[in-house]
Amino acid sequence: MKTITLEVKDTTAEKLSKMSVAEKKSIAETLDLLVGRKRSLEEIMKEASEQARKNGLTPEILEQLLNEK
C-alpha cells in the first residue's frame, strides 16, 4: 500500500477527515477498483456498492454522511 494525496473540495476533505478507519478503507478500495480496471461506469458502481455493503456502509449511514456539515 502507498499513501497518495488528492485534491478535493474543502467539504469533501472535512467529511473524509471525520470518517472511521473502516469507511476510509472502503473508499480506498473503491478508488482501487475505479483506477485499476477498465470497465463500464455501471459495472464500477455496482461493484463499489457491493463492496460498501460488505464493509457495513448502509444507505442510512451513507445518507447521514452526505448530510453532515
PDB file of N, CA and C in Angstrom:
ATOM      1  N   MET A   1       0.845  -1.177   0.000  1.00  0.00           N
ATOM      2  CA  MET A   1       0.000   0.000   0.000  1.00  0.00           C
ATOM      3  C   MET A   1       0.884   1.231   0.000  1.00  0.00           C
ATOM      4  N   LYS A   2       0.358   2.279  -0.612  1.00  0.00           N
ATOM      5  CA  LYS A   2       1.082   3.536  -0.694  1.00  0.00           C
ATOM      6  C   LYS A   2       0.111   4.672  -0.427  1.00  0.00           C
ATOM      7  N   THR A   3       0.547   5.666   0.309  1.00  0.00           N
ATOM      8  CA  THR A   3      -0.270   6.837   0.588  1.00  0.00           C
ATOM      9  C   THR A   3      -0.087   7.853  -0.537  1.00  0.00           C
ATOM     10  N   ILE A   4      -1.222   8.434  -0.983  1.00  0.00           N
ATOM     11  CA  ILE A   4      -1.180   9.444  -2.031  1.00  0.00           C
ATOM     12  C   ILE A   4      -1.936  10.681  -1.551  1.00  0.00           C
ATOM     13  N   THR A   5      -1.792  11.756  -2.277  1.00  0.00           N
ATOM     14  CA  THR A   5      -2.516  12.979  -1.973  1.00  0.00           C
ATOM     15  C   THR A   5      -3.394  13.328  -3.163  1.00  0.00           C
ATOM     16  N   LEU A   6      -4.669  13.612  -2.897  1.00  0.00           N
ATOM     17  CA  LEU A   6      -5.615  14.008  -3.931  1.00  0.00           C
ATOM     18  C   LEU A   6      -6.217  15.354  -3.556  1.00  0.00           C
ATOM     19  N   GLU A   7      -6.438  16.189  -4.547  1.00  0.00           N
ATOM     20  CA  GLU A   7      -7.091  17.468  -4.309  1.00  0.00           C
ATOM     21  C   GLU A   7      -8.597  17.286  -4.439  1.00  0.00           C
ATOM     22  N   VAL A   8      -9.321  17.638  -3.376  1.00  0.00           N
ATOM     23  CA  VAL A   8     -10.776  17.532  -3.352  1.00  0.00           C
ATOM     24  C   VAL A   8     -11.358  18.826  -2.786  1.00  0.00           C
ATOM     25  N   LYS A   9     -12.662  18.969  -2.892  1.00  0.00           N
ATOM     26  CA  LYS A   9     -13.336  20.133  -2.325  1.00  0.00           C
ATOM     27  C   LYS A   9     -13.117  20.168  -0.811  1.00  0.00           C
ATOM     28  N   ASP A  10     -13.144  21.367  -0.251  1.00  0.00           N
ATOM     29  CA  ASP A  10     -12.962  21.518   1.198  1.00  0.00           C
ATOM     30  C   ASP A  10     -13.985  20.705   1.986  1.00  0.00           C
ATOM     31  N   THR A  11     -15.231  20.714   1.529  1.00  0.00           N
ATOM     32  CA  THR A  11     -16.277  19.979   2.244  1.00  0.00           C
ATOM     33  C   THR A  11     -16.026  18.475   2.201  1.00  0.00           C
ATOM     34  N   THR A  12     -15.515  18.001   1.083  1.00  0.00           N
ATOM     35  CA  THR A  12     -15.196  16.574   0.957  1.00  0.00           C
ATOM     36  C   THR A  12     -14.054  16.211   1.894  1.00  0.00           C
ATOM     37  N   ALA A  13     -13.031  17.026   1.930  1.00  0.00           N
ATOM     38  CA  ALA A  13     -11.889  16.770   2.807  1.00  0.00           C
ATOM     39  C   ALA A  13     -12.316  16.743   4.269  1.00  0.00           C
ATOM     40  N   GLU A  14     -13.206  17.654   4.636  1.00  0.00           N
ATOM     41  CA  GLU A  14     -13.683  17.703   6.016  1.00  0.00           C
ATOM     42  C   GLU A  14     -14.459  16.439   6.370  1.00  0.00           C
ATOM     43  N   LYS A  15     -15.324  16.005   5.450  1.00  0.00           N
ATOM     44  CA  LYS A  15     -16.104  14.788   5.690  1.00  0.00           C
ATOM     45  C   LYS A  15     -15.189  13.563   5.788  1.00  0.00           C
ATOM     46  N   LEU A  16     -14.194  13.504   4.904  1.00  0.00           N
ATOM     47  CA  LEU A  16     -13.259  12.378   4.945  1.00  0.00           C
ATOM     48  C   LEU A  16     -12.487  12.341   6.255  1.00  0.00           C
ATOM     49  N   SER A  17     -12.113  13.498   6.756  1.00  0.00           N
ATOM     50  CA  SER A  17     -11.331  13.542   7.999  1.00  0.00           C
ATOM     51  C   SER A  17     -12.130  13.042   9.192  1.00  0.00           C
ATOM     52  N   LYS A  18     -13.461  13.072   9.090  1.00  0.00           N
ATOM     53  CA  LYS A  18     -14.319  12.626  10.186  1.00  0.00           C
ATOM     54  C   LYS A  18     -14.741  11.166  10.068  1.00  0.00           C
ATOM     55  N   MET A  19     -14.382  10.509   8.974  1.00  0.00           N
ATOM     56  CA  MET A  19     -14.802   9.124   8.751  1.00  0.00           C
ATOM     57  C   MET A  19     -13.969   8.150   9.579  1.00  0.00           C
ATOM     58  N   SER A  20     -14.582   7.019   9.856  1.00  0.00           N
ATOM     59  CA  SER A  20     -13.883   5.961  10.587  1.00  0.00           C
ATOM     60  C   SER A  20     -12.848   5.302   9.684  1.00  0.00           C
ATOM     61  N   VAL A  21     -11.983   4.524  10.284  1.00  0.00           N
ATOM     62  CA  VAL A  21     -10.970   3.787   9.530  1.00  0.00           C
ATOM     63  C   VAL A  21     -11.638   2.852   8.527  1.00  0.00           C
ATOM     64  N   ALA A  22     -12.709   2.190   8.946  1.00  0.00           N
ATOM     65  CA  ALA A  22     -13.417   1.260   8.050  1.00  0.00           C
ATOM     66  C   ALA A  22     -14.014   1.994   6.851  1.00  0.00           C
ATOM     67  N   GLU A  23     -14.576   3.171   7.087  1.00  0.00           N
ATOM     68  CA  GLU A  23     -15.159   3.948   5.992  1.00  0.00           C
ATOM     69  C   GLU A  23     -14.077   4.411   5.018  1.00  0.00           C
ATOM     70  N   LYS A  24     -12.942   4.841   5.558  1.00  0.00           N
ATOM     71  CA  LYS A  24     -11.829   5.266   4.705  1.00  0.00           C
ATOM     72  C   LYS A  24     -11.285   4.090   3.901  1.00  0.00           C
ATOM     73  N   LYS A  25     -11.243   2.915   4.520  1.00  0.00           N
ATOM     74  CA  LYS A  25     -10.790   1.711   3.816  1.00  0.00           C
ATOM     75  C   LYS A  25     -11.719   1.387   2.656  1.00  0.00           C
ATOM     76  N   SER A  26     -13.008   1.528   2.887  1.00  0.00           N
ATOM     77  CA  SER A  26     -13.988   1.271   1.837  1.00  0.00           C
ATOM     78  C   SER A  26     -13.798   2.228   0.663  1.00  0.00           C
ATOM     79  N   ILE A  27     -13.543   3.477   0.952  1.00  0.00           N
ATOM     80  CA  ILE A  27     -13.312   4.463  -0.111  1.00  0.00           C
ATOM     81  C   ILE A  27     -12.032   4.131  -0.866  1.00  0.00           C
ATOM     82  N   ALA A  28     -10.987   3.740  -0.148  1.00  0.00           N
ATOM     83  CA  ALA A  28      -9.724   3.378  -0.798  1.00  0.00           C
ATOM     84  C   ALA A  28      -9.910   2.178  -1.719  1.00  0.00           C
ATOM     85  N   GLU A  29     -10.682   1.192  -1.262  1.00  0.00           N
ATOM     86  CA  GLU A  29     -10.933   0.008  -2.088  1.00  0.00           C
ATOM     87  C   GLU A  29     -11.740   0.379  -3.335  1.00  0.00           C
ATOM     88  N   THR A  30     -12.681   1.290  -3.171  1.00  0.00           N
ATOM     89  CA  THR A  30     -13.471   1.752  -4.313  1.00  0.00           C
ATOM     90  C   THR A  30     -12.585   2.472  -5.317  1.00  0.00           C
ATOM     91  N   LEU A  31     -11.691   3.301  -4.830  1.00  0.00           N
ATOM     92  CA  LEU A  31     -10.765   4.014  -5.709  1.00  0.00           C
ATOM     93  C   LEU A  31      -9.865   3.027  -6.448  1.00  0.00           C
ATOM     94  N   ASP A  32      -9.408   1.987  -5.751  1.00  0.00           N
ATOM     95  CA  ASP A  32      -8.617   0.944  -6.410  1.00  0.00           C
ATOM     96  C   ASP A  32      -9.385   0.329  -7.573  1.00  0.00           C
ATOM     97  N   LEU A  33     -10.659   0.081  -7.347  1.00  0.00           N
ATOM     98  CA  LEU A  33     -11.488  -0.503  -8.399  1.00  0.00           C
ATOM     99  C   LEU A  33     -11.639   0.450  -9.582  1.00  0.00           C
ATOM    100  N   LEU A  34     -11.854   1.716  -9.285  1.00  0.00           N
ATOM    101  CA  LEU A  34     -12.040   2.705 -10.350  1.00  0.00           C
ATOM    102  C   LEU A  34     -10.790   2.858 -11.206  1.00  0.00           C
ATOM    103  N   VAL A  35      -9.649   2.882 -10.583  1.00  0.00           N
ATOM    104  CA  VAL A  35      -8.402   3.151 -11.302  1.00  0.00           C
ATOM    105  C   VAL A  35      -7.797   1.875 -11.892  1.00  0.00           C
ATOM    106  N   GLY A  36      -7.980   0.768 -11.205  1.00  0.00           N
ATOM    107  CA  GLY A  36      -7.285  -0.456 -11.568  1.00  0.00           C
ATOM    108  C   GLY A  36      -7.839  -1.239 -12.728  1.00  0.00           C
ATOM    109  N   ARG A  37      -9.065  -0.984 -13.093  1.00  0.00           N
ATOM    110  CA  ARG A  37      -9.693  -1.795 -14.137  1.00  0.00           C
ATOM    111  C   ARG A  37     -10.395  -0.907 -15.141  1.00  0.00           C
ATOM    112  N   LYS A  38     -10.401  -1.348 -16.367  1.00  0.00           N
ATOM    113  CA  LYS A  38     -11.162  -0.633 -17.395  1.00  0.00           C
ATOM    114  C   LYS A  38     -12.492  -1.352 -17.560  1.00  0.00           C
ATOM    115  N   ARG A  39     -13.510  -0.748 -16.968  1.00  0.00           N
ATOM    116  CA  ARG A  39     -14.853  -1.316 -17.042  1.00  0.00           C
ATOM    117  C   ARG A  39     -15.850  -0.185 -17.227  1.00  0.00           C
ATOM    118  N   SER A  40     -17.089  -0.531 -17.469  1.00  0.00           N
ATOM    119  CA  SER A  40     -18.115   0.494 -17.629  1.00  0.00           C
ATOM    120  C   SER A  40     -18.416   1.126 -16.276  1.00  0.00           C
ATOM    121  N   LEU A  41     -18.930   2.338 -16.320  1.00  0.00           N
ATOM    122  CA  LEU A  41     -19.299   3.030 -15.096  1.00  0.00           C
ATOM    123  C   LEU A  41     -20.336   2.235 -14.318  1.00  0.00           C
ATOM    124  N   GLU A  42     -21.265   1.622 -15.020  1.00  0.00           N
ATOM    125  CA  GLU A  42     -22.299   0.818 -14.361  1.00  0.00           C
ATOM    126  C   GLU A  42     -21.675  -0.353 -13.591  1.00  0.00           C
ATOM    127  N   GLU A  43     -20.707  -1.040 -14.202  1.00  0.00           N
ATOM    128  CA  GLU A  43     -20.031  -2.151 -13.526  1.00  0.00           C
ATOM    129  C   GLU A  43     -19.291  -1.653 -12.286  1.00  0.00           C
ATOM    130  N   ILE A  44     -18.613  -0.544 -12.433  1.00  0.00           N
ATOM    131  CA  ILE A  44     -17.852   0.024 -11.315  1.00  0.00           C
ATOM    132  C   ILE A  44     -18.785   0.408 -10.169  1.00  0.00           C
ATOM    133  N   MET A  45     -19.891   1.058 -10.504  1.00  0.00           N
ATOM    134  CA  MET A  45     -20.832   1.488  -9.470  1.00  0.00           C
ATOM    135  C   MET A  45     -21.458   0.291  -8.757  1.00  0.00           C
ATOM    136  N   LYS A  46     -21.781  -0.753  -9.498  1.00  0.00           N
ATOM    137  CA  LYS A  46     -22.364  -1.951  -8.888  1.00  0.00           C
ATOM    138  C   LYS A  46     -21.363  -2.600  -7.934  1.00  0.00           C
ATOM    139  N   GLU A  47     -20.122  -2.750  -8.375  1.00  0.00           N
ATOM    140  CA  GLU A  47     -19.110  -3.362  -7.528  1.00  0.00           C
ATOM    141  C   GLU A  47     -18.794  -2.488  -6.315  1.00  0.00           C
ATOM    142  N   ALA A  48     -18.743  -1.175  -6.519  1.00  0.00           N
ATOM    143  CA  ALA A  48     -18.482  -0.256  -5.410  1.00  0.00           C
ATOM    144  C   ALA A  48     -19.601  -0.355  -4.373  1.00  0.00           C
ATOM    145  N   SER A  49     -20.830  -0.455  -4.843  1.00  0.00           N
ATOM    146  CA  SER A  49     -21.970  -0.587  -3.951  1.00  0.00           C
ATOM    147  C   SER A  49     -21.893  -1.887  -3.146  1.00  0.00           C
ATOM    148  N   GLU A  50     -21.561  -2.970  -3.816  1.00  0.00           N
ATOM    149  CA  GLU A  50     -21.426  -4.267  -3.137  1.00  0.00           C
ATOM    150  C   GLU A  50     -20.302  -4.216  -2.103  1.00  0.00           C
ATOM    151  N   GLN A  51     -19.184  -3.609  -2.467  1.00  0.00           N
ATOM    152  CA  GLN A  51     -18.054  -3.511  -1.543  1.00  0.00           C
ATOM    153  C   GLN A  51     -18.416  -2.654  -0.335  1.00  0.00           C
ATOM    154  N   ALA A  52     -19.109  -1.568  -0.571  1.00  0.00           N
ATOM    155  CA  ALA A  52     -19.530  -0.692   0.531  1.00  0.00           C
ATOM    156  C   ALA A  52     -20.450  -1.449   1.491  1.00  0.00           C
ATOM    157  N   ARG A  53     -21.389  -2.218   0.943  1.00  0.00           N
ATOM    158  CA  ARG A  53     -22.279  -3.015   1.796  1.00  0.00           C
ATOM    159  C   ARG A  53     -21.492  -4.032   2.610  1.00  0.00           C
ATOM    160  N   LYS A  54     -20.522  -4.694   1.976  1.00  0.00           N
ATOM    161  CA  LYS A  54     -19.697  -5.678   2.696  1.00  0.00           C
ATOM    162  C   LYS A  54     -18.952  -5.031   3.850  1.00  0.00           C
ATOM    163  N   ASN A  55     -18.590  -3.762   3.679  1.00  0.00           N
ATOM    164  CA  ASN A  55     -17.863  -3.040   4.716  1.00  0.00           C
ATOM    165  C   ASN A  55     -18.784  -2.329   5.704  1.00  0.00           C
ATOM    166  N   GLY A  56     -20.081  -2.604   5.607  1.00  0.00           N
ATOM    167  CA  GLY A  56     -21.025  -2.087   6.580  1.00  0.00           C
ATOM    168  C   GLY A  56     -21.627  -0.732   6.255  1.00  0.00           C
ATOM    169  N   LEU A  57     -21.410  -0.228   5.067  1.00  0.00           N
ATOM    170  CA  LEU A  57     -21.981   1.063   4.687  1.00  0.00           C
ATOM    171  C   LEU A  57     -23.396   0.845   4.182  1.00  0.00           C
ATOM    172  N   THR A  58     -24.365   1.204   5.006  1.00  0.00           N
ATOM    173  CA  THR A  58     -25.772   1.046   4.646  1.00  0.00           C
ATOM    174  C   THR A  58     -26.269   2.335   3.984  1.00  0.00           C
ATOM    175  N   PRO A  59     -27.406   2.270   3.288  1.00  0.00           N
ATOM    176  CA  PRO A  59     -27.967   3.502   2.713  1.00  0.00           C
ATOM    177  C   PRO A  59     -28.198   4.581   3.774  1.00  0.00           C
ATOM    178  N   GLU A  60     -28.594   4.157   4.975  1.00  0.00           N
ATOM    179  CA  GLU A  60     -28.834   5.115   6.057  1.00  0.00           C
ATOM    180  C   GLU A  60     -27.538   5.807   6.489  1.00  0.00           C
ATOM    181  N   ILE A  61     -26.473   5.043   6.631  1.00  0.00           N
ATOM    182  CA  ILE A  61     -25.186   5.618   7.015  1.00  0.00           C
ATOM    183  C   ILE A  61     -24.687   6.548   5.920  1.00  0.00           C
ATOM    184  N   LEU A  62     -24.822   6.141   4.677  1.00  0.00           N
ATOM    185  CA  LEU A  62     -24.394   6.981   3.563  1.00  0.00           C
ATOM    186  C   LEU A  62     -25.167   8.300   3.560  1.00  0.00           C
ATOM    187  N   GLU A  63     -26.464   8.226   3.749  1.00  0.00           N
ATOM    188  CA  GLU A  63     -27.289   9.443   3.793  1.00  0.00           C
ATOM    189  C   GLU A  63     -26.832  10.362   4.928  1.00  0.00           C
ATOM    190  N   GLN A  64     -26.564   9.756   6.081  1.00  0.00           N
ATOM    191  CA  GLN A  64     -26.100  10.544   7.225  1.00  0.00           C
ATOM    192  C   GLN A  64     -24.766  11.221   6.905  1.00  0.00           C
ATOM    193  N   LEU A  65     -23.841  10.487   6.304  1.00  0.00           N
ATOM    194  CA  LEU A  65     -22.535  11.048   5.947  1.00  0.00           C
ATOM    195  C   LEU A  65     -22.676  12.183   4.959  1.00  0.00           C
ATOM    196  N   LEU A  66     -23.549  12.022   3.981  1.00  0.00           N
ATOM    197  CA  LEU A  66     -23.731  13.041   2.953  1.00  0.00           C
ATOM    198  C   LEU A  66     -24.414  14.302   3.503  1.00  0.00           C
ATOM    199  N   ASN A  67     -25.189  14.138   4.557  1.00  0.00           N
ATOM    200  CA  ASN A  67     -25.900  15.270   5.131  1.00  0.00           C
ATOM    201  C   ASN A  67     -25.135  15.982   6.246  1.00  0.00           C
ATOM    202  N   GLU A  68     -24.018  15.410   6.681  1.00  0.00           N
ATOM    203  CA  GLU A  68     -23.208  16.074   7.713  1.00  0.00           C
ATOM    204  C   GLU A  68     -22.619  17.348   7.158  1.00  0.00           C
ATOM    205  N   LYS A  69     -22.535  18.333   8.004  1.00  0.00           N
ATOM    206  CA  LYS A  69     -21.980  19.619   7.554  1.00  0.00           C
ATOM    207  C   LYS A  69     -20.645  19.878   8.153  1.00  0.00           C
TER     208      LYS A  69
END
